[in-house]
Amino acid sequence: MYLHKLKIGDVELDNNIILAPMAGITDKAFRIICKEFGPRFSLY
Protein backbone atom coordinates (compact mmCIF):
# COMPACT_ATOMS: atom_id res chain seq x y z
CA MET A 1 0.00 0.00 0.00
CA TYR A 2 2.60 2.58 1.07
CA LEU A 3 5.57 0.69 -0.33
CA HIS A 4 6.87 1.52 -3.76
CA LYS A 5 10.15 1.33 -5.64
CA LEU A 6 12.61 4.13 -4.99
CA LYS A 7 15.14 5.31 -7.55
CA ILE A 8 18.10 7.52 -6.64
CA GLY A 9 20.31 8.20 -9.64
CA ASP A 10 21.18 4.84 -11.19
CA VAL A 11 20.26 2.89 -8.03
CA GLU A 12 16.77 1.37 -7.82
CA LEU A 13 15.58 -0.01 -4.48
CA ASP A 14 12.75 -2.55 -4.06
CA ASN A 15 10.92 -0.33 -1.57
CA ASN A 16 11.00 3.13 -0.05
CA ILE A 17 12.01 2.09 3.48
CA ILE A 18 15.55 3.18 4.35
CA LEU A 19 17.43 2.49 7.57
CA ALA A 20 20.63 4.45 8.15
CA PRO A 21 23.00 4.45 11.11
CA MET A 22 22.96 7.70 13.08
CA ALA A 23 26.29 9.17 14.20
CA GLY A 24 26.70 8.86 17.96
CA ILE A 25 23.52 6.78 18.36
CA THR A 26 24.17 3.49 16.57
CA ASP A 27 27.21 1.29 16.86
CA LYS A 28 28.88 -1.69 15.22
CA ALA A 29 26.48 -4.13 16.92
CA PHE A 30 23.50 -2.32 15.36
CA ARG A 31 25.10 -2.45 11.90
CA ILE A 32 25.84 -6.18 12.29
CA ILE A 33 22.22 -6.89 13.24
CA CYS A 34 20.99 -4.90 10.24
CA LYS A 35 23.38 -6.73 7.94
CA GLU A 36 22.32 -10.17 9.23
CA PHE A 37 18.63 -9.43 8.77
CA GLY A 38 19.12 -8.42 5.17
CA PRO A 39 18.99 -4.81 4.06
CA ARG A 40 18.94 -4.77 0.26
CA PHE A 41 21.43 -1.95 -0.08
CA SER A 42 23.98 -0.63 2.38
CA LEU A 43 27.07 1.54 2.27
CA TYR A 44 29.50 -0.53 4.36
PDB file of N, CA and C in Angstrom:
ATOM      1  N   MET A   1       0.826  -1.186   0.000  1.00  0.00           N
ATOM      2  CA  MET A   1       0.000   0.000   0.000  1.00  0.00           C
ATOM      3  C   MET A   1       0.874   1.255   0.000  1.00  0.00           C
ATOM      4  N   TYR A   2       1.732   1.410   1.004  1.00  0.00           N
ATOM      5  CA  TYR A   2       2.596   2.575   1.066  1.00  0.00           C
ATOM      6  C   TYR A   2       3.982   2.304   0.502  1.00  0.00           C
ATOM      7  N   LEU A   3       4.262   1.031   0.205  1.00  0.00           N
ATOM      8  CA  LEU A   3       5.567   0.688  -0.331  1.00  0.00           C
ATOM      9  C   LEU A   3       5.577   0.866  -1.834  1.00  0.00           C
ATOM     10  N   HIS A   4       6.669   1.417  -2.324  1.00  0.00           N
ATOM     11  CA  HIS A   4       6.868   1.522  -3.758  1.00  0.00           C
ATOM     12  C   HIS A   4       8.365   1.554  -4.039  1.00  0.00           C
ATOM     13  N   LYS A   5       8.740   1.310  -5.276  1.00  0.00           N
ATOM     14  CA  LYS A   5      10.150   1.331  -5.642  1.00  0.00           C
ATOM     15  C   LYS A   5      10.676   2.748  -5.506  1.00  0.00           C
ATOM     16  N   LEU A   6      11.960   2.843  -5.168  1.00  0.00           N
ATOM     17  CA  LEU A   6      12.608   4.134  -4.994  1.00  0.00           C
ATOM     18  C   LEU A   6      13.837   4.160  -5.881  1.00  0.00           C
ATOM     19  N   LYS A   7      13.988   5.198  -6.667  1.00  0.00           N
ATOM     20  CA  LYS A   7      15.142   5.308  -7.553  1.00  0.00           C
ATOM     21  C   LYS A   7      15.903   6.578  -7.208  1.00  0.00           C
ATOM     22  N   ILE A   8      17.205   6.405  -6.933  1.00  0.00           N
ATOM     23  CA  ILE A   8      18.097   7.524  -6.639  1.00  0.00           C
ATOM     24  C   ILE A   8      19.249   7.421  -7.626  1.00  0.00           C
ATOM     25  N   GLY A   9      19.283   8.291  -8.598  1.00  0.00           N
ATOM     26  CA  GLY A   9      20.308   8.202  -9.637  1.00  0.00           C
ATOM     27  C   GLY A   9      20.142   6.910 -10.405  1.00  0.00           C
ATOM     28  N   ASP A  10      21.213   6.114 -10.484  1.00  0.00           N
ATOM     29  CA  ASP A  10      21.180   4.835 -11.185  1.00  0.00           C
ATOM     30  C   ASP A  10      20.791   3.671 -10.283  1.00  0.00           C
ATOM     31  N   VAL A  11      20.570   3.939  -8.993  1.00  0.00           N
ATOM     32  CA  VAL A  11      20.261   2.886  -8.030  1.00  0.00           C
ATOM     33  C   VAL A  11      18.747   2.791  -7.855  1.00  0.00           C
ATOM     34  N   GLU A  12      18.204   1.579  -8.045  1.00  0.00           N
ATOM     35  CA  GLU A  12      16.772   1.366  -7.823  1.00  0.00           C
ATOM     36  C   GLU A  12      16.587   0.385  -6.673  1.00  0.00           C
ATOM     37  N   LEU A  13      15.842   0.812  -5.649  1.00  0.00           N
ATOM     38  CA  LEU A  13      15.578  -0.015  -4.478  1.00  0.00           C
ATOM     39  C   LEU A  13      14.199  -0.643  -4.592  1.00  0.00           C
ATOM     40  N   ASP A  14      14.028  -1.834  -3.997  1.00  0.00           N
ATOM     41  CA  ASP A  14      12.751  -2.549  -4.060  1.00  0.00           C
ATOM     42  C   ASP A  14      11.628  -1.824  -3.333  1.00  0.00           C
ATOM     43  N   ASN A  15      11.967  -1.057  -2.300  1.00  0.00           N
ATOM     44  CA  ASN A  15      10.925  -0.335  -1.573  1.00  0.00           C
ATOM     45  C   ASN A  15      11.465   0.998  -1.079  1.00  0.00           C
ATOM     46  N   ASN A  16      10.626   1.788  -0.482  1.00  0.00           N
ATOM     47  CA  ASN A  16      10.996   3.131  -0.049  1.00  0.00           C
ATOM     48  C   ASN A  16      11.309   3.224   1.444  1.00  0.00           C
ATOM     49  N   ILE A  17      11.632   2.090   2.068  1.00  0.00           N
ATOM     50  CA  ILE A  17      12.011   2.094   3.480  1.00  0.00           C
ATOM     51  C   ILE A  17      13.531   2.078   3.564  1.00  0.00           C
ATOM     52  N   ILE A  18      14.092   3.050   4.250  1.00  0.00           N
ATOM     53  CA  ILE A  18      15.546   3.180   4.349  1.00  0.00           C
ATOM     54  C   ILE A  18      15.924   3.254   5.826  1.00  0.00           C
ATOM     55  N   LEU A  19      16.924   2.475   6.205  1.00  0.00           N
ATOM     56  CA  LEU A  19      17.433   2.490   7.572  1.00  0.00           C
ATOM     57  C   LEU A  19      18.898   2.892   7.502  1.00  0.00           C
ATOM     58  N   ALA A  20      19.253   3.963   8.186  1.00  0.00           N
ATOM     59  CA  ALA A  20      20.626   4.449   8.147  1.00  0.00           C
ATOM     60  C   ALA A  20      21.154   4.601   9.571  1.00  0.00           C
ATOM     61  N   PRO A  21      22.423   4.240   9.786  1.00  0.00           N
ATOM     62  CA  PRO A  21      23.000   4.448  11.115  1.00  0.00           C
ATOM     63  C   PRO A  21      23.109   5.947  11.420  1.00  0.00           C
ATOM     64  N   MET A  22      22.886   6.302  12.676  1.00  0.00           N
ATOM     65  CA  MET A  22      22.963   7.701  13.077  1.00  0.00           C
ATOM     66  C   MET A  22      24.237   7.907  13.885  1.00  0.00           C
ATOM     67  N   ALA A  23      25.022   8.899  13.523  1.00  0.00           N
ATOM     68  CA  ALA A  23      26.286   9.173  14.203  1.00  0.00           C
ATOM     69  C   ALA A  23      26.046   9.402  15.692  1.00  0.00           C
ATOM     70  N   GLY A  24      26.797   8.687  16.522  1.00  0.00           N
ATOM     71  CA  GLY A  24      26.697   8.857  17.958  1.00  0.00           C
ATOM     72  C   GLY A  24      25.556   8.086  18.604  1.00  0.00           C
ATOM     73  N   ILE A  25      24.667   7.504  17.810  1.00  0.00           N
ATOM     74  CA  ILE A  25      23.523   6.776  18.357  1.00  0.00           C
ATOM     75  C   ILE A  25      23.687   5.278  18.126  1.00  0.00           C
ATOM     76  N   THR A  26      24.017   4.903  16.899  1.00  0.00           N
ATOM     77  CA  THR A  26      24.170   3.489  16.571  1.00  0.00           C
ATOM     78  C   THR A  26      25.633   3.080  16.663  1.00  0.00           C
ATOM     79  N   ASP A  27      25.854   1.793  16.732  1.00  0.00           N
ATOM     80  CA  ASP A  27      27.211   1.292  16.859  1.00  0.00           C
ATOM     81  C   ASP A  27      27.411   0.080  15.957  1.00  0.00           C
ATOM     82  N   LYS A  28      28.570  -0.549  16.068  1.00  0.00           N
ATOM     83  CA  LYS A  28      28.877  -1.687  15.216  1.00  0.00           C
ATOM     84  C   LYS A  28      27.877  -2.830  15.426  1.00  0.00           C
ATOM     85  N   ALA A  29      27.449  -3.065  16.649  1.00  0.00           N
ATOM     86  CA  ALA A  29      26.480  -4.134  16.917  1.00  0.00           C
ATOM     87  C   ALA A  29      25.184  -3.894  16.148  1.00  0.00           C
ATOM     88  N   PHE A  30      24.710  -2.669  16.111  1.00  0.00           N
ATOM     89  CA  PHE A  30      23.502  -2.321  15.364  1.00  0.00           C
ATOM     90  C   PHE A  30      23.684  -2.602  13.879  1.00  0.00           C
ATOM     91  N   ARG A  31      24.835  -2.220  13.322  1.00  0.00           N
ATOM     92  CA  ARG A  31      25.097  -2.448  11.899  1.00  0.00           C
ATOM     93  C   ARG A  31      25.196  -3.933  11.584  1.00  0.00           C
ATOM     94  N   ILE A  32      25.756  -4.732  12.495  1.00  0.00           N
ATOM     95  CA  ILE A  32      25.842  -6.183  12.290  1.00  0.00           C
ATOM     96  C   ILE A  32      24.444  -6.796  12.271  1.00  0.00           C
ATOM     97  N   ILE A  33      23.599  -6.390  13.207  1.00  0.00           N
ATOM     98  CA  ILE A  33      22.223  -6.894  13.241  1.00  0.00           C
ATOM     99  C   ILE A  33      21.501  -6.541  11.941  1.00  0.00           C
ATOM    100  N   CYS A  34      21.630  -5.316  11.488  1.00  0.00           N
ATOM    101  CA  CYS A  34      20.989  -4.896  10.239  1.00  0.00           C
ATOM    102  C   CYS A  34      21.506  -5.718   9.062  1.00  0.00           C
ATOM    103  N   LYS A  35      22.796  -5.954   9.034  1.00  0.00           N
ATOM    104  CA  LYS A  35      23.377  -6.726   7.941  1.00  0.00           C
ATOM    105  C   LYS A  35      22.870  -8.168   7.947  1.00  0.00           C
ATOM    106  N   GLU A  36      22.781  -8.788   9.122  1.00  0.00           N
ATOM    107  CA  GLU A  36      22.322 -10.171   9.229  1.00  0.00           C
ATOM    108  C   GLU A  36      20.860 -10.336   8.831  1.00  0.00           C
ATOM    109  N   PHE A  37      20.045  -9.320   9.083  1.00  0.00           N
ATOM    110  CA  PHE A  37      18.629  -9.432   8.768  1.00  0.00           C
ATOM    111  C   PHE A  37      18.279  -8.901   7.386  1.00  0.00           C
ATOM    112  N   GLY A  38      19.302  -8.575   6.590  1.00  0.00           N
ATOM    113  CA  GLY A  38      19.116  -8.419   5.170  1.00  0.00           C
ATOM    114  C   GLY A  38      18.668  -7.103   4.569  1.00  0.00           C
ATOM    115  N   PRO A  39      19.312  -5.987   4.860  1.00  0.00           N
ATOM    116  CA  PRO A  39      18.987  -4.813   4.060  1.00  0.00           C
ATOM    117  C   PRO A  39      19.404  -5.073   2.609  1.00  0.00           C
ATOM    118  N   ARG A  40      18.668  -4.549   1.682  1.00  0.00           N
ATOM    119  CA  ARG A  40      18.942  -4.775   0.264  1.00  0.00           C
ATOM    120  C   ARG A  40      20.135  -3.979  -0.220  1.00  0.00           C
ATOM    121  N   PHE A  41      20.371  -2.827   0.389  1.00  0.00           N
ATOM    122  CA  PHE A  41      21.431  -1.949  -0.078  1.00  0.00           C
ATOM    123  C   PHE A  41      22.042  -1.265   1.136  1.00  0.00           C
ATOM    124  N   SER A  42      23.325  -1.317   1.267  1.00  0.00           N
ATOM    125  CA  SER A  42      23.975  -0.630   2.378  1.00  0.00           C
ATOM    126  C   SER A  42      25.301  -0.065   1.904  1.00  0.00           C
ATOM    127  N   LEU A  43      25.836   0.866   2.659  1.00  0.00           N
ATOM    128  CA  LEU A  43      27.067   1.544   2.274  1.00  0.00           C
ATOM    129  C   LEU A  43      28.254   1.156   3.118  1.00  0.00           C
ATOM    130  N   TYR A  44      28.313  -0.130   3.638  1.00  0.00           N
ATOM    131  CA  TYR A  44      29.502  -0.526   4.356  1.00  0.00           C
ATOM    132  C   TYR A  44      30.242  -1.582   3.655  1.00  0.00           C
TER     133      TYR A  44
END
